Amino acid sequence: MTYRHTTEFLLYDWLNVESLRERARFADHSRETFDSVLDTCERIARDKVAPFNRLADTEEPWFDGDKVHLPQASHAATQAYADSGMLAAAQDYEWGGMQLPCVVEMAANSFFSKAGIGVGGGALLTSGNANLLMAHGTDMQKQVFARNEFGGRFAGTMCLSEPQAGSSLSDIATRAVPDGEGFADDPLGPRYRLRGNKMWISNGEHELTENIIHLVLAKIPGPDGKLVAGTRGISLFIVPKKLVDVNGALTGERNDVALAGLNHKLGYRGIPNTLLNFGEGRFPVRGAPGAVGYLVGQAGDGLRCMFHMMNEARIAVGLGAAMLGYAGYEASLDYAKNRLQGRPVVGGEGKGGKAGKDANQPQVRIIEHADVKRMLLAQKSYCEGALALELYCARLVDEHHTGTPEAAAEAGVLLEMLTPIAKSWPSEWCLEANSLAIQVLGGYGYTRDFPVEQYWRDNRLNMIHEGTHGIQALDLLGRKVVMNGGRGLALLASRIEATVARARSMSKDAPELGDHATALAAALKHVGTATQAAWASGRPDEALANATPYLQAFGHTVLAWVWLDVAMCAQARLSARADAGANVSAGPREGAATGAPATPTDPHTDLLHGKLAACRYFIRYELPRVAAWLRVVETRDDTCRTMDEAWF
């Protein structure tokens, strides 16, 4: 079965996305319209992205002193994506959108991430930039900037980090001062002049679109001329590369935003990554120093506004990580099905029996070796589990926006709880899937003759950008699980407990689900006790010293929950097929251990058995890790906290 079949199973069988048509916003849609969007994106990804994935990796962006050059394939992919309407997919019709559910939009975008995340991948930044302006911008800012981003004329970025500050946004030093006497009366928003530097800006300079709209965090000096310490003084500004009028037309003036250099990356090479200088005087505007920027929202409210884009980006990062892992899984699965090597172990029956291999027998495909199956199962459990998690989070977005008040409020709380996991877990474990893909191919996997080494290099970024692994851990243990008296953790736990109860109710016909439920319940209880123990002393330094093991344990517990829920859906579909007379046997297939491909059975049944096997693997092989991770959390182990730097 293909990736498309897995996507459809998760959307239609597990998440019951078709039920969203009962809501007014999605009433015009049907499964046919959802499938049409998936078809379009799958085709564009196959034709415009996948063939050029290696090209984007080898022909890095380069700067000639005036322009950043990208392969023509990147231009074509960017245009094809804009023409598809996906930049505005979830927006209202009046904004050129399709009013698609977020969950369908994310599923459709997954095809692009899997086909080549570095080819035209900046489109997701543009969409996120415009979505932020739709939430926090003025009507004029929406019309001039967001509308043109949705239409593909303008591209968008997010400019947070600075060379001296990195992830510590409270230490940013970019300044924004009012631009003249009438600064507050500009129709595009209160007008400021910005001076400073921004680092690690993806798609910060290119010629893919007519204009680039930078969303920039900066601080407005107080009356004493000093910047406010911490995050309270951070404001958000629209800083276009080229100035525009109130109709969105280019004025012909270049804003004072200059490329200082390109960062040469391990992977993700198709997207230019830049250091930008704002207001250095290279492109002076109207005889005054500083880049022109327009305030978004209220002064001092910039970080709250930016989190709208950051949280969206974090879920997108998780999806990208999942799809890079999935691409490696598919490549290694195909290789394992066709590579002949070794012979099956035979003999050894009875007490003192000796196992061996018969060299006279023909070689077998490596997929018939148990250890290769282990590596493939691990990849499948990581990548399909991560995909399910991201789509579940997207379904929560739809619930938050269109559900009943009570359901919407609960969805918002669950999203807050799950966002650190949605970003971090796929970034770590789908990277591990890519490592296993290389291992399945052996020496060939370590060469550029096969794509799996590129998938690993591309995926390695995802543990770093949009909030590093450690920052997600501090956010989870330091804020999310204790906010509002632990309400979010309690709500998530209640959802997991409900899944456990349903699995136990199915255990009469599917005993394995009951065993899985017992294991998950134990892990959830351990997370709860470890959370309390971590904060028992009331000292944040003790509690947070082991935040990353806590994040790993929490993430594995969440993924075990997701897998158990998916497995119950698969089991229900198998039971329904059995009642309808379909062959749902999971016994050995003719052809096994002969070196020839096994005789195929019903592909839909195979898909469902695959979900059950991946769940079994995750519960039995992965969930036991939780106890070891939590041990250092609940004892507030001080090994790392008290390590003297001289001892290194």
Foldseek 3Di string as FASTA:
>chain_A
DDPVVLLCCLCCQQVVVQVCCVFPLNVVDHVVVLVVLLVLLLVLLVPLFQVCQVVLWVPFWDDPPPATDADVSLLVSLVSCLVSLLLQACPDVVLVYVVDQLLSSLSSCLSNLLRHCLRNVQSLQLSLVLVLCVVFNDPLLNQQRSSCSSNSQEGEWEFQAAPVQAPQSLPAAKEWEFDDDCQQPAPRARKTFIWGKTFFIWLPGHDSHNKYWYWYWHFYADPVRDGDGGLQRIFIWTFIQFDAHSNNHGPPAGFQKDFPDWDCALASRSITTTMITFFPPPRDDPPDTGGMIHTTHDGSCHVVSVVSSLLVVLLVLLSSLLSLLVSLLVQLVVQQLQDFDDADWDWPPDPPIDIDGDPVAGTARNCLDVVLVLLSLLSCLLNSLLSSLSSVLSVLVSCLVGNDPVSNVLSVLLSLQCSLLNQASSLPRSLVSLVSSLVSVPPVSVDPVGCSVNSNRHSNCSCPPSAHLLRSLCCNLVPSCCPPNRPSLVSVVVVLVVLLVVLCVCCVVPVVSPVLSVLLVVLSVLLVLLSCLLCVVVDPLLQSVLSNLSSLSVSLSVSLSSLSSSLVSLVVVLVVCVVVPADLDPDDFPPRSRNDDGDDGDVSSVVSVSSNSSSVCSSVPPNVVNVVSSVCSNVSPCPRVPDDPVVD
